Every structure is written in C-alpha cells, then in structure tokens.
C-alpha cells in the first residue's frame, strides 16, 4: 500500500512535466527586429526623427539620458533551441546622431553626413 501511495504522490508532484515533449510552444520574438539593410541607412548627423523613420522607435530609451537609444531584439525558441539577441546603441548630441555600436556591421557610409 505504501508503494502505491508513493507512486501516486510522485505522479501528482511531477504534474504535466511528463508531457513537455508533446506540448507545442511558440517562438517568442521581442523588441525591434532589424536587418543589416536597415542599419546600412544610418548616417552621422541624422536627427532623431530621421533615425526613427529608418529603424522605428527604440524599444528602450534611457530614462536618464534621452540622447541614448537602445534597439534590442531577442528570439526565444519554443522548442528549447538556442535563443539569440541582437542590440544596437545609438548616441545623439544636439539631436544629431554621432555614434553607433552594435551587433550589426558598421554601415559603410556612416561617417559621411547626409548633406554630401
């Protein structure tokens, strides 16, 4: 009788974890999805409105420094496969884009202002 009670308690405590492989889980994308062709349009001297037109609104603007914009994208796979994250940080001075850091390749024409 004790063995039956112990087995029943074990099954109850395990819950539905036995069925994890059978349950469908969706991929969860979060943040700003960007491609290299979007990032290639960035140029030094662009104002915030122009950058927002090209990349969209940043997912996280710094609460303490409105001149720093962070674009972050993460994909969490429902299958348990490796998830990945991409990020870009843009810095502005006097409403003009001055620097770029991130996971994408630096745009070739980034250092050439739009006026040229």
PDB file of N, CA and C in Angstrom:
ATOM      1  N   UNK A   1       0.819  -1.195   0.000  1.00  0.00           N
ATOM      2  CA  UNK A   1       0.000   0.000   0.000  1.00  0.00           C
ATOM      3  C   UNK A   1       0.867   1.266   0.000  1.00  0.00           C
ATOM      4  N   UNK A   2       1.955   1.242   0.759  1.00  0.00           N
ATOM      5  CA  UNK A   2       2.848   2.408   0.815  1.00  0.00           C
ATOM      6  C   UNK A   2       3.475   2.662  -0.554  1.00  0.00           C
ATOM      7  N   UNK A   3       3.778   1.629  -1.276  1.00  0.00           N
ATOM      8  CA  UNK A   3       4.380   1.784  -2.600  1.00  0.00           C
ATOM      9  C   UNK A   3       3.388   2.466  -3.539  1.00  0.00           C
ATOM     10  N   UNK A   4       2.135   2.073  -3.482  1.00  0.00           N
ATOM     11  CA  UNK A   4       1.105   2.679  -4.334  1.00  0.00           C
ATOM     12  C   UNK A   4       0.937   4.152  -3.988  1.00  0.00           C
ATOM     13  N   UNK A   5       0.903   4.490  -2.712  1.00  0.00           N
ATOM     14  CA  UNK A   5       0.774   5.879  -2.278  1.00  0.00           C
ATOM     15  C   UNK A   5       1.999   6.677  -2.723  1.00  0.00           C
ATOM     16  N   UNK A   6       3.188   6.120  -2.590  1.00  0.00           N
ATOM     17  CA  UNK A   6       4.405   6.803  -3.001  1.00  0.00           C
ATOM     18  C   UNK A   6       4.403   7.049  -4.503  1.00  0.00           C
ATOM     19  N   UNK A   7       3.984   6.092  -5.300  1.00  0.00           N
ATOM     20  CA  UNK A   7       3.921   6.254  -6.753  1.00  0.00           C
ATOM     21  C   UNK A   7       2.891   7.318  -7.116  1.00  0.00           C
ATOM     22  N   UNK A   8       1.730   7.293  -6.481  1.00  0.00           N
ATOM     23  CA  UNK A   8       0.692   8.302  -6.742  1.00  0.00           C
ATOM     24  C   UNK A   8       1.182   9.699  -6.383  1.00  0.00           C
ATOM     25  N   UNK A   9       1.854   9.839  -5.252  1.00  0.00           N
ATOM     26  CA  UNK A   9       2.394  11.141  -4.850  1.00  0.00           C
ATOM     27  C   UNK A   9       3.437  11.618  -5.858  1.00  0.00           C
ATOM     28  N   UNK A  10       4.271  10.727  -6.334  1.00  0.00           N
ATOM     29  CA  UNK A  10       5.275  11.076  -7.335  1.00  0.00           C
ATOM     30  C   UNK A  10       4.644  11.555  -8.621  1.00  0.00           C
ATOM     31  N   UNK A  11       3.590  10.892  -9.051  1.00  0.00           N
ATOM     32  CA  UNK A  11       2.894  11.323 -10.270  1.00  0.00           C
ATOM     33  C   UNK A  11       2.218  12.673 -10.088  1.00  0.00           C
ATOM     34  N   UNK A  12       1.615  12.870  -8.946  1.00  0.00           N
ATOM     35  CA  UNK A  12       0.944  14.142  -8.680  1.00  0.00           C
ATOM     36  C   UNK A  12       1.957  15.273  -8.622  1.00  0.00           C
ATOM     37  N   UNK A  13       3.093  15.053  -7.976  1.00  0.00           N
ATOM     38  CA  UNK A  13       4.110  16.092  -7.842  1.00  0.00           C
ATOM     39  C   UNK A  13       4.788  16.405  -9.182  1.00  0.00           C
ATOM     40  N   UNK A  14       4.872  15.401 -10.046  1.00  0.00           N
ATOM     41  CA  UNK A  14       5.510  15.649 -11.340  1.00  0.00           C
ATOM     42  C   UNK A  14       4.609  16.469 -12.252  1.00  0.00           C
ATOM     43  N   UNK A  15       3.315  16.478 -11.977  1.00  0.00           N
ATOM     44  CA  UNK A  15       2.377  17.286 -12.759  1.00  0.00           C
ATOM     45  C   UNK A  15       2.390  16.882 -14.219  1.00  0.00           C
ATOM     46  N   UNK A  16       2.414  17.875 -15.078  1.00  0.00           N
ATOM     47  CA  UNK A  16       2.379  17.619 -16.518  1.00  0.00           C
ATOM     48  C   UNK A  16       3.773  17.610 -17.131  1.00  0.00           C
ATOM     49  N   UNK A  17       4.808  17.613 -16.324  1.00  0.00           N
ATOM     50  CA  UNK A  17       6.163  17.650 -16.866  1.00  0.00           C
ATOM     51  C   UNK A  17       6.464  16.439 -17.732  1.00  0.00           C
ATOM     52  N   UNK A  18       5.710  15.398 -17.578  1.00  0.00           N
ATOM     53  CA  UNK A  18       5.896  14.203 -18.399  1.00  0.00           C
ATOM     54  C   UNK A  18       5.535  14.512 -19.846  1.00  0.00           C
ATOM     55  N   UNK A  19       4.646  15.465 -20.068  1.00  0.00           N
ATOM     56  CA  UNK A  19       4.143  15.759 -21.401  1.00  0.00           C
ATOM     57  C   UNK A  19       4.846  16.943 -22.073  1.00  0.00           C
ATOM     58  N   UNK A  20       5.938  17.441 -21.515  1.00  0.00           N
ATOM     59  CA  UNK A  20       6.614  18.613 -22.078  1.00  0.00           C
ATOM     60  C   UNK A  20       6.996  18.423 -23.535  1.00  0.00           C
ATOM     61  N   UNK A  21       7.419  17.243 -23.915  1.00  0.00           N
ATOM     62  CA  UNK A  21       7.808  16.996 -25.299  1.00  0.00           C
ATOM     63  C   UNK A  21       6.628  16.975 -26.242  1.00  0.00           C
ATOM     64  N   UNK A  22       5.453  16.810 -25.749  1.00  0.00           N
ATOM     65  CA  UNK A  22       4.265  16.716 -26.596  1.00  0.00           C
ATOM     66  C   UNK A  22       3.526  18.040 -26.750  1.00  0.00           C
ATOM     67  N   UNK A  23       3.850  19.013 -25.922  1.00  0.00           N
ATOM     68  CA  UNK A  23       3.160  20.297 -25.942  1.00  0.00           C
ATOM     69  C   UNK A  23       3.864  21.230 -26.921  1.00  0.00           C
ATOM     70  N   UNK A  24       3.082  21.860 -27.819  1.00  0.00           N
ATOM     71  CA  UNK A  24       3.633  22.810 -28.778  1.00  0.00           C
ATOM     72  C   UNK A  24       3.855  24.156 -28.098  1.00  0.00           C
ATOM     73  N   UNK A  25       5.044  24.709 -28.265  1.00  0.00           N
ATOM     74  CA  UNK A  25       5.356  26.021 -27.719  1.00  0.00           C
ATOM     75  C   UNK A  25       5.786  26.923 -28.878  1.00  0.00           C
ATOM     76  N   UNK A  26       5.273  28.144 -28.879  1.00  0.00           N
ATOM     77  CA  UNK A  26       5.562  29.063 -29.976  1.00  0.00           C
ATOM     78  C   UNK A  26       6.880  29.783 -29.742  1.00  0.00           C
ATOM     79  N   UNK A  27       7.469  30.277 -30.839  1.00  0.00           N
ATOM     80  CA  UNK A  27       8.628  31.145 -30.746  1.00  0.00           C
ATOM     81  C   UNK A  27       8.149  32.516 -30.284  1.00  0.00           C
ATOM     82  N   UNK A  28       8.933  33.160 -29.426  1.00  0.00           N
ATOM     83  CA  UNK A  28       8.531  34.456 -28.880  1.00  0.00           C
ATOM     84  C   UNK A  28       9.561  35.511 -29.287  1.00  0.00           C
ATOM     85  N   UNK A  29       9.241  36.299 -30.349  1.00  0.00           N
ATOM     86  CA  UNK A  29      10.126  37.411 -30.703  1.00  0.00           C
ATOM     87  C   UNK A  29       9.759  38.639 -29.877  1.00  0.00           C
ATOM     88  N   UNK A  30      10.767  39.361 -29.407  1.00  0.00           N
ATOM     89  CA  UNK A  30      10.524  40.555 -28.606  1.00  0.00           C
ATOM     90  C   UNK A  30      11.480  41.655 -29.035  1.00  0.00           C
ATOM     91  N   UNK A  31      10.972  42.875 -29.114  1.00  0.00           N
ATOM     92  CA  UNK A  31      11.821  44.024 -29.401  1.00  0.00           C
ATOM     93  C   UNK A  31      11.739  44.482 -30.836  1.00  0.00           C
ATOM     94  N   UNK A  32      12.803  45.164 -31.275  1.00  0.00           N
ATOM     95  CA  UNK A  32      12.893  45.726 -32.620  1.00  0.00           C
ATOM     96  C   UNK A  32      13.635  44.762 -33.531  1.00  0.00           C
ATOM     97  N   UNK A  33      12.920  44.156 -34.486  1.00  0.00           N
ATOM     98  CA  UNK A  33      13.593  43.296 -35.462  1.00  0.00           C
ATOM     99  C   UNK A  33      14.237  44.193 -36.508  1.00  0.00           C
ATOM    100  N   UNK A  34      15.536  44.085 -36.667  1.00  0.00           N
ATOM    101  CA  UNK A  34      16.273  44.879 -37.635  1.00  0.00           C
ATOM    102  C   UNK A  34      17.058  43.966 -38.553  1.00  0.00           C
ATOM    103  N   UNK A  35      17.316  44.439 -39.748  1.00  0.00           N
ATOM    104  CA  UNK A  35      18.172  43.746 -40.698  1.00  0.00           C
ATOM    105  C   UNK A  35      19.323  44.661 -41.059  1.00  0.00           C
ATOM    106  N   UNK A  36      20.378  44.078 -41.633  1.00  0.00           N
ATOM    107  CA  UNK A  36      21.559  44.858 -41.991  1.00  0.00           C
ATOM    108  C   UNK A  36      21.199  45.974 -42.968  1.00  0.00           C
ATOM    109  N   UNK A  37      20.264  45.726 -43.884  1.00  0.00           N
ATOM    110  CA  UNK A  37      19.895  46.762 -44.859  1.00  0.00           C
ATOM    111  C   UNK A  37      19.263  47.974 -44.181  1.00  0.00           C
ATOM    112  N   UNK A  38      18.584  47.766 -43.043  1.00  0.00           N
ATOM    113  CA  UNK A  38      18.028  48.891 -42.284  1.00  0.00           C
ATOM    114  C   UNK A  38      19.147  49.695 -41.627  1.00  0.00           C
ATOM    115  N   UNK A  39      20.080  48.986 -41.035  1.00  0.00           N
ATOM    116  CA  UNK A  39      21.197  49.637 -40.332  1.00  0.00           C
ATOM    117  C   UNK A  39      22.095  50.373 -41.324  1.00  0.00           C
ATOM    118  N   UNK A  40      22.215  49.860 -42.556  1.00  0.00           N
ATOM    119  CA  UNK A  40      23.066  50.493 -43.571  1.00  0.00           C
ATOM    120  C   UNK A  40      22.580  51.888 -43.962  1.00  0.00           C
ATOM    121  N   UNK A  41      21.353  52.226 -43.649  1.00  0.00           N
ATOM    122  CA  UNK A  41      20.812  53.541 -43.986  1.00  0.00           C
ATOM    123  C   UNK A  41      21.189  54.621 -42.978  1.00  0.00           C
ATOM    124  N   UNK A  42      21.784  54.230 -41.855  1.00  0.00           N
ATOM    125  CA  UNK A  42      22.166  55.206 -40.830  1.00  0.00           C
ATOM    126  C   UNK A  42      23.347  56.047 -41.294  1.00  0.00           C
ATOM    127  N   UNK A  43      23.287  57.340 -40.993  1.00  0.00           N
ATOM    128  CA  UNK A  43      24.363  58.262 -41.307  1.00  0.00           C
ATOM    129  C   UNK A  43      24.589  59.189 -40.134  1.00  0.00           C
ATOM    130  N   UNK A  44      25.828  59.564 -39.912  1.00  0.00           N
ATOM    131  CA  UNK A  44      26.142  60.530 -38.874  1.00  0.00           C
ATOM    132  C   UNK A  44      25.460  61.848 -39.238  1.00  0.00           C
ATOM    133  N   UNK A  45      24.926  62.528 -38.247  1.00  0.00           N
ATOM    134  CA  UNK A  45      24.249  63.795 -38.486  1.00  0.00           C
ATOM    135  C   UNK A  45      22.750  63.675 -38.689  1.00  0.00           C
ATOM    136  N   UNK A  46      22.221  62.458 -38.783  1.00  0.00           N
ATOM    137  CA  UNK A  46      20.766  62.299 -38.901  1.00  0.00           C
ATOM    138  C   UNK A  46      20.122  62.765 -37.606  1.00  0.00           C
ATOM    139  N   UNK A  47      18.948  63.391 -37.710  1.00  0.00           N
ATOM    140  CA  UNK A  47      18.263  63.778 -36.485  1.00  0.00           C
ATOM    141  C   UNK A  47      17.425  62.605 -35.978  1.00  0.00           C
ATOM    142  N   UNK A  48      16.866  62.762 -34.798  1.00  0.00           N
ATOM    143  CA  UNK A  48      16.138  61.660 -34.161  1.00  0.00           C
ATOM    144  C   UNK A  48      14.932  61.221 -34.990  1.00  0.00           C
ATOM    145  N   UNK A  49      14.249  62.172 -35.611  1.00  0.00           N
ATOM    146  CA  UNK A  49      13.078  61.830 -36.428  1.00  0.00           C
ATOM    147  C   UNK A  49      13.480  60.988 -37.635  1.00  0.00           C
ATOM    148  N   UNK A  50      14.609  61.303 -38.243  1.00  0.00           N
ATOM    149  CA  UNK A  50      15.079  60.535 -39.391  1.00  0.00           C
ATOM    150  C   UNK A  50      15.472  59.117 -38.973  1.00  0.00           C
ATOM    151  N   UNK A  51      16.153  58.993 -37.843  1.00  0.00           N
ATOM    152  CA  UNK A  51      16.539  57.680 -37.351  1.00  0.00           C
ATOM    153  C   UNK A  51      15.301  56.854 -37.013  1.00  0.00           C
ATOM    154  N   UNK A  52      14.319  57.493 -36.398  1.00  0.00           N
ATOM    155  CA  UNK A  52      13.089  56.786 -36.055  1.00  0.00           C
ATOM    156  C   UNK A  52      12.337  56.358 -37.314  1.00  0.00           C
ATOM    157  N   UNK A  53      12.412  57.143 -38.376  1.00  0.00           N
ATOM    158  CA  UNK A  53      11.784  56.767 -39.639  1.00  0.00           C
ATOM    159  C   UNK A  53      12.457  55.538 -40.238  1.00  0.00           C
ATOM    160  N   UNK A  54      13.777  55.464 -40.130  1.00  0.00           N
ATOM    161  CA  UNK A  54      14.537  54.353 -40.716  1.00  0.00           C
ATOM    162  C   UNK A  54      14.417  53.084 -39.880  1.00  0.00           C
ATOM    163  N   UNK A  55      14.583  53.180 -38.567  1.00  0.00           N
ATOM    164  CA  UNK A  55      14.632  51.992 -37.703  1.00  0.00           C
ATOM    165  C   UNK A  55      13.377  51.778 -36.870  1.00  0.00           C
ATOM    166  N   UNK A  56      12.530  52.775 -36.767  1.00  0.00           N
ATOM    167  CA  UNK A  56      11.381  52.680 -35.872  1.00  0.00           C
ATOM    168  C   UNK A  56      11.758  53.226 -34.505  1.00  0.00           C
ATOM    169  N   UNK A  57      10.787  53.270 -33.630  1.00  0.00           N
ATOM    170  CA  UNK A  57      11.028  53.776 -32.277  1.00  0.00           C
ATOM    171  C   UNK A  57      11.882  52.779 -31.501  1.00  0.00           C
ATOM    172  N   UNK A  58      12.797  53.260 -30.679  1.00  0.00           N
ATOM    173  CA  UNK A  58      13.635  52.327 -29.906  1.00  0.00           C
ATOM    174  C   UNK A  58      12.810  51.599 -28.860  1.00  0.00           C
ATOM    175  N   UNK A  59      13.210  50.364 -28.594  1.00  0.00           N
ATOM    176  CA  UNK A  59      12.495  49.575 -27.599  1.00  0.00           C
ATOM    177  C   UNK A  59      12.799  50.081 -26.197  1.00  0.00           C
ATOM    178  N   UNK A  60      13.960  50.674 -26.005  1.00  0.00           N
ATOM    179  CA  UNK A  60      14.330  51.165 -24.676  1.00  0.00           C
ATOM    180  C   UNK A  60      15.106  52.465 -24.824  1.00  0.00           C
ATOM    181  N   UNK A  61      14.488  53.543 -24.443  1.00  0.00           N
ATOM    182  CA  UNK A  61      15.184  54.826 -24.389  1.00  0.00           C
ATOM    183  C   UNK A  61      15.617  55.037 -22.947  1.00  0.00           C
ATOM    184  N   UNK A  62      16.811  55.517 -22.776  1.00  0.00           N
ATOM    185  CA  UNK A  62      17.344  55.705 -21.434  1.00  0.00           C
ATOM    186  C   UNK A  62      16.512  56.732 -20.667  1.00  0.00           C
ATOM    187  N   UNK A  63      16.122  56.393 -19.459  1.00  0.00           N
ATOM    188  CA  UNK A  63      15.330  57.300 -18.630  1.00  0.00           C
ATOM    189  C   UNK A  63      16.162  58.479 -18.139  1.00  0.00           C
ATOM    190  N   UNK A  64      17.456  58.294 -18.064  1.00  0.00           N
ATOM    191  CA  UNK A  64      18.321  59.339 -17.536  1.00  0.00           C
ATOM    192  C   UNK A  64      19.031  60.123 -18.623  1.00  0.00           C
ATOM    193  N   UNK A  65      19.094  59.574 -19.829  1.00  0.00           N
ATOM    194  CA  UNK A  65      19.785  60.231 -20.918  1.00  0.00           C
ATOM    195  C   UNK A  65      18.987  60.000 -22.198  1.00  0.00           C
ATOM    196  N   UNK A  66      18.209  60.992 -22.606  1.00  0.00           N
ATOM    197  CA  UNK A  66      17.356  60.832 -23.785  1.00  0.00           C
ATOM    198  C   UNK A  66      18.166  60.842 -25.080  1.00  0.00           C
ATOM    199  N   UNK A  67      19.461  61.065 -24.990  1.00  0.00           N
ATOM    200  CA  UNK A  67      20.314  61.058 -26.166  1.00  0.00           C
ATOM    201  C   UNK A  67      20.946  59.697 -26.428  1.00  0.00           C
ATOM    202  N   UNK A  68      20.508  58.671 -25.727  1.00  0.00           N
ATOM    203  CA  UNK A  68      20.983  57.310 -25.960  1.00  0.00           C
ATOM    204  C   UNK A  68      19.779  56.423 -26.241  1.00  0.00           C
ATOM    205  N   UNK A  69      19.787  55.794 -27.409  1.00  0.00           N
ATOM    206  CA  UNK A  69      18.698  54.906 -27.796  1.00  0.00           C
ATOM    207  C   UNK A  69      19.230  53.485 -27.909  1.00  0.00           C
ATOM    208  N   UNK A  70      18.444  52.526 -27.418  1.00  0.00           N
ATOM    209  CA  UNK A  70      18.820  51.119 -27.475  1.00  0.00           C
ATOM    210  C   UNK A  70      17.774  50.361 -28.291  1.00  0.00           C
ATOM    211  N   UNK A  71      18.230  49.667 -29.305  1.00  0.00           N
ATOM    212  CA  UNK A  71      17.374  48.784 -30.089  1.00  0.00           C
ATOM    213  C   UNK A  71      17.784  47.361 -29.750  1.00  0.00           C
ATOM    214  N   UNK A  72      16.854  46.597 -29.205  1.00  0.00           N
ATOM    215  CA  UNK A  72      17.153  45.231 -28.754  1.00  0.00           C
ATOM    216  C   UNK A  72      16.129  44.289 -29.371  1.00  0.00           C
ATOM    217  N   UNK A  73      16.607  43.146 -29.843  1.00  0.00           N
ATOM    218  CA  UNK A  73      15.709  42.115 -30.356  1.00  0.00           C
ATOM    219  C   UNK A  73      16.152  40.776 -29.779  1.00  0.00           C
ATOM    220  N   UNK A  74      15.197  40.016 -29.280  1.00  0.00           N
ATOM    221  CA  UNK A  74      15.518  38.667 -28.805  1.00  0.00           C
ATOM    222  C   UNK A  74      14.473  37.699 -29.316  1.00  0.00           C
ATOM    223  N   UNK A  75      14.923  36.499 -29.637  1.00  0.00           N
ATOM    224  CA  UNK A  75      14.042  35.436 -30.109  1.00  0.00           C
ATOM    225  C   UNK A  75      14.220  34.254 -29.167  1.00  0.00           C
ATOM    226  N   UNK A  76      13.163  33.935 -28.446  1.00  0.00           N
ATOM    227  CA  UNK A  76      13.172  32.778 -27.562  1.00  0.00           C
ATOM    228  C   UNK A  76      12.430  31.658 -28.264  1.00  0.00           C
ATOM    229  N   UNK A  77      13.143  30.593 -28.542  1.00  0.00           N
ATOM    230  CA  UNK A  77      12.574  29.477 -29.276  1.00  0.00           C
ATOM    231  C   UNK A  77      11.703  28.633 -28.363  1.00  0.00           C
ATOM    232  N   UNK A  78      10.533  28.278 -28.832  1.00  0.00           N
ATOM    233  CA  UNK A  78       9.631  27.436 -28.063  1.00  0.00           C
ATOM    234  C   UNK A  78      10.085  25.995 -28.012  1.00  0.00           C
ATOM    235  N   UNK A  79      10.969  25.610 -28.932  1.00  0.00           N
ATOM    236  CA  UNK A  79      11.434  24.226 -28.977  1.00  0.00           C
ATOM    237  C   UNK A  79      12.565  23.962 -27.996  1.00  0.00           C
ATOM    238  N   UNK A  80      13.053  24.993 -27.371  1.00  0.00           N
ATOM    239  CA  UNK A  80      14.169  24.826 -26.442  1.00  0.00           C
ATOM    240  C   UNK A  80      15.510  24.996 -27.117  1.00  0.00           C
ATOM    241  N   UNK A  81      15.503  25.264 -28.422  1.00  0.00           N
ATOM    242  CA  UNK A  81      16.753  25.521 -29.132  1.00  0.00           C
ATOM    243  C   UNK A  81      17.344  26.838 -28.630  1.00  0.00           C
ATOM    244  N   UNK A  82      18.568  27.084 -29.010  1.00  0.00           N
ATOM    245  CA  UNK A  82      19.254  28.288 -28.535  1.00  0.00           C
ATOM    246  C   UNK A  82      18.513  29.543 -28.975  1.00  0.00           C
ATOM    247  N   UNK A  83      18.348  30.480 -28.075  1.00  0.00           N
ATOM    248  CA  UNK A  83      17.745  31.766 -28.401  1.00  0.00           C
ATOM    249  C   UNK A  83      18.874  32.742 -28.725  1.00  0.00           C
ATOM    250  N   UNK A  84      18.532  33.835 -29.392  1.00  0.00           N
ATOM    251  CA  UNK A  84      19.571  34.816 -29.698  1.00  0.00           C
ATOM    252  C   UNK A  84      19.065  36.222 -29.468  1.00  0.00           C
ATOM    253  N   UNK A  85      20.026  37.127 -29.320  1.00  0.00           N
ATOM    254  CA  UNK A  85      19.730  38.530 -29.047  1.00  0.00           C
ATOM    255  C   UNK A  85      20.608  39.399 -29.931  1.00  0.00           C
ATOM    256  N   UNK A  86      20.021  40.477 -30.457  1.00  0.00           N
ATOM    257  CA  UNK A  86      20.768  41.473 -31.216  1.00  0.00           C
ATOM    258  C   UNK A  86      20.506  42.822 -30.572  1.00  0.00           C
ATOM    259  N   UNK A  87      21.520  43.677 -30.561  1.00  0.00           N
ATOM    260  CA  UNK A  87      21.312  45.010 -29.996  1.00  0.00           C
ATOM    261  C   UNK A  87      22.109  46.056 -30.766  1.00  0.00           C
ATOM    262  N   UNK A  88      21.595  47.277 -30.718  1.00  0.00           N
ATOM    263  CA  UNK A  88      22.268  48.445 -31.285  1.00  0.00           C
ATOM    264  C   UNK A  88      22.092  49.581 -30.287  1.00  0.00           C
ATOM    265  N   UNK A  89      23.129  50.336 -30.079  1.00  0.00           N
ATOM    266  CA  UNK A  89      23.067  51.526 -29.237  1.00  0.00           C
ATOM    267  C   UNK A  89      23.449  52.730 -30.086  1.00  0.00           C
ATOM    268  N   UNK A  90      22.569  53.720 -30.127  1.00  0.00           N
ATOM    269  CA  UNK A  90      22.818  54.954 -30.869  1.00  0.00           C
ATOM    270  C   UNK A  90      22.918  56.102 -29.885  1.00  0.00           C
ATOM    271  N   UNK A  91      23.875  56.997 -30.135  1.00  0.00           N
ATOM    272  CA  UNK A  91      24.042  58.164 -29.271  1.00  0.00           C
ATOM    273  C   UNK A  91      23.893  59.430 -30.103  1.00  0.00           C
ATOM    274  N   UNK A  92      23.217  60.398 -29.509  1.00  0.00           N
ATOM    275  CA  UNK A  92      22.946  61.674 -30.163  1.00  0.00           C
ATOM    276  C   UNK A  92      23.568  62.809 -29.363  1.00  0.00           C
ATOM    277  N   UNK A  93      23.958  63.863 -30.060  1.00  0.00           N
ATOM    278  CA  UNK A  93      24.370  65.120 -29.435  1.00  0.00           C
ATOM    279  C   UNK A  93      23.685  66.233 -30.201  1.00  0.00           C
ATOM    280  N   UNK A  94      23.006  67.114 -29.499  1.00  0.00           N
ATOM    281  CA  UNK A  94      22.258  68.224 -30.118  1.00  0.00           C
ATOM    282  C   UNK A  94      21.296  67.704 -31.180  1.00  0.00           C
ATOM    283  N   UNK A  95      20.603  66.617 -30.870  1.00  0.00           N
ATOM    284  CA  UNK A  95      19.604  65.999 -31.750  1.00  0.00           C
ATOM    285  C   UNK A  95      20.207  65.434 -33.040  1.00  0.00           C
ATOM    286  N   UNK A  96      21.516  65.198 -33.071  1.00  0.00           N
ATOM    287  CA  UNK A  96      22.184  64.648 -34.243  1.00  0.00           C
ATOM    288  C   UNK A  96      22.866  63.337 -33.867  1.00  0.00           C
ATOM    289  N   UNK A  97      22.740  62.335 -34.720  1.00  0.00           N
ATOM    290  CA  UNK A  97      23.379  61.035 -34.488  1.00  0.00           C
ATOM    291  C   UNK A  97      24.887  61.184 -34.572  1.00  0.00           C
ATOM    292  N   UNK A  98      25.601  60.709 -33.528  1.00  0.00           N
ATOM    293  CA  UNK A  98      27.057  60.843 -33.517  1.00  0.00           C
ATOM    294  C   UNK A  98      27.786  59.514 -33.420  1.00  0.00           C
ATOM    295  N   UNK A  99      27.150  58.470 -32.857  1.00  0.00           N
ATOM    296  CA  UNK A  99      27.879  57.205 -32.751  1.00  0.00           C
ATOM    297  C   UNK A  99      26.940  56.009 -32.842  1.00  0.00           C
ATOM    298  N   UNK A 100      27.531  54.909 -33.243  1.00  0.00           N
ATOM    299  CA  UNK A 100      26.812  53.651 -33.439  1.00  0.00           C
ATOM    300  C   UNK A 100      27.628  52.524 -32.818  1.00  0.00           C
ATOM    301  N   UNK A 101      26.991  51.668 -32.056  1.00  0.00           N
ATOM    302  CA  UNK A 101      27.610  50.456 -31.533  1.00  0.00           C
ATOM    303  C   UNK A 101      26.583  49.347 -31.660  1.00  0.00           C
ATOM    304  N   UNK A 102      27.032  48.140 -31.960  1.00  0.00           N
ATOM    305  CA  UNK A 102      26.057  47.067 -32.009  1.00  0.00           C
ATOM    306  C   UNK A 102      26.556  45.806 -32.662  1.00  0.00           C
ATOM    307  N   UNK A 103      25.624  44.867 -32.813  1.00  0.00           N
ATOM    308  CA  UNK A 103      25.931  43.545 -33.346  1.00  0.00           C
ATOM    309  C   UNK A 103      25.980  43.516 -34.866  1.00  0.00           C
ATOM    310  N   UNK A 104      25.427  44.504 -35.526  1.00  0.00           N
ATOM    311  CA  UNK A 104      25.462  44.552 -36.981  1.00  0.00           C
ATOM    312  C   UNK A 104      26.766  45.195 -37.440  1.00  0.00           C
ATOM    313  N   UNK A 105      27.126  44.946 -38.706  1.00  0.00           N
ATOM    314  CA  UNK A 105      28.317  45.589 -39.259  1.00  0.00           C
ATOM    315  C   UNK A 105      28.089  47.093 -39.324  1.00  0.00           C
ATOM    316  N   UNK A 106      29.141  47.834 -39.067  1.00  0.00           N
ATOM    317  CA  UNK A 106      29.048  49.298 -39.139  1.00  0.00           C
ATOM    318  C   UNK A 106      28.761  49.692 -40.592  1.00  0.00           C
ATOM    319  N   UNK A 107      27.764  50.543 -40.818  1.00  0.00           N
ATOM    320  CA  UNK A 107      27.443  50.958 -42.189  1.00  0.00           C
ATOM    321  C   UNK A 107      28.642  51.610 -42.870  1.00  0.00           C
ATOM    322  N   UNK A 108      28.858  51.290 -44.151  1.00  0.00           N
ATOM    323  CA  UNK A 108      29.998  51.836 -44.894  1.00  0.00           C
ATOM    324  C   UNK A 108      29.982  53.360 -44.935  1.00  0.00           C
ATOM    325  N   UNK A 109      28.815  53.922 -45.172  1.00  0.00           N
ATOM    326  CA  UNK A 109      28.686  55.377 -45.335  1.00  0.00           C
ATOM    327  C   UNK A 109      28.300  56.084 -44.050  1.00  0.00           C
ATOM    328  N   UNK A 110      28.464  55.443 -42.914  1.00  0.00           N
ATOM    329  CA  UNK A 110      28.005  56.037 -41.648  1.00  0.00           C
ATOM    330  C   UNK A 110      28.686  57.376 -41.385  1.00  0.00           C
ATOM    331  N   UNK A 111      29.962  57.492 -41.683  1.00  0.00           N
ATOM    332  CA  UNK A 111      30.711  58.707 -41.356  1.00  0.00           C
ATOM    333  C   UNK A 111      30.538  59.821 -42.392  1.00  0.00           C
ATOM    334  N   UNK A 112      29.767  59.584 -43.441  1.00  0.00           N
ATOM    335  CA  UNK A 112      29.510  60.612 -44.455  1.00  0.00           C
ATOM    336  C   UNK A 112      28.152  61.225 -44.134  1.00  0.00           C
ATOM    337  N   UNK A 113      28.114  62.532 -43.798  1.00  0.00           N
ATOM    338  CA  UNK A 113      26.824  63.172 -43.471  1.00  0.00           C
ATOM    339  C   UNK A 113      25.857  63.129 -44.659  1.00  0.00           C
ATOM    340  N   UNK A 114      24.579  63.255 -44.374  1.00  0.00           N
ATOM    341  CA  UNK A 114      23.542  63.184 -45.413  1.00  0.00           C
ATOM    342  C   UNK A 114      23.662  64.297 -46.447  1.00  0.00           C
ATOM    343  N   UNK A 115      24.162  65.453 -46.069  1.00  0.00           N
ATOM    344  CA  UNK A 115      24.222  66.592 -46.970  1.00  0.00           C
ATOM    345  C   UNK A 115      25.176  66.354 -48.124  1.00  0.00           C
ATOM    346  N   UNK A 116      26.089  65.407 -48.009  1.00  0.00           N
ATOM    347  CA  UNK A 116      27.089  65.196 -49.080  1.00  0.00           C
ATOM    348  C   UNK A 116      26.624  64.153 -50.056  1.00  0.00           C
TER     349      UNK A 116
END
